[in-house]
Amino acid sequence: MIDAVETRSPAEAETHSIQSDHRALGAAAERLELLLGACAEGGAAASSEVRVLLEEFRRLLEAHLSAEERSGVLKRAAVAEPRFARRIVQLMREHYELRRRVGALAAGPQGESWVGFRARFIEFRGVLDLHEQAENDILQRTYFEDLGGRG
């Protein structure tokens, strides 16, 4: 029996890596949200763990954004599918704001309650989720869409 060898283009491999990062960020955000809930309910023991996880989340997001930018996969998607070019430019510009906001979150609550901080984190997570979903959609449609109907 011959083993099937999976062959991926570099763009497909990069896309899978980006999507894997998105899943890891989602899992880290979920853990943080749960711990922030415990802090909001008065769990002092959780607060020190939250601070560590916030910094880990910040580093993970920074590494992910940098990898996306270095890989050029989104820029190549804009060339391959010009209909997405404007949205891709917007997504790349959003990286600056995501970095700024996650840096502020990593500093922890700044004169606010854990309840308020948790609400701010949840709002950021929503923005990040929308950003990542838009990237995933573009990459999926650019590199994995069934091209049988084109031409």
Foldseek 3Di string as FASTA:
>chain_A
DDDDDDDDDLLVVLLVVLVVLVVVLVVLLVVLLVLLVCVLVPNPVSPVVNLVSLVVSLVSLVVSLVSCVVSCSLVVLCVQPVVCVVVSVVLNVCSVVLNVLSVVPSVPDDPDGSVVSSVSSVVSVVVVVVSSVVVSVSSCCRPPDPCVPPD
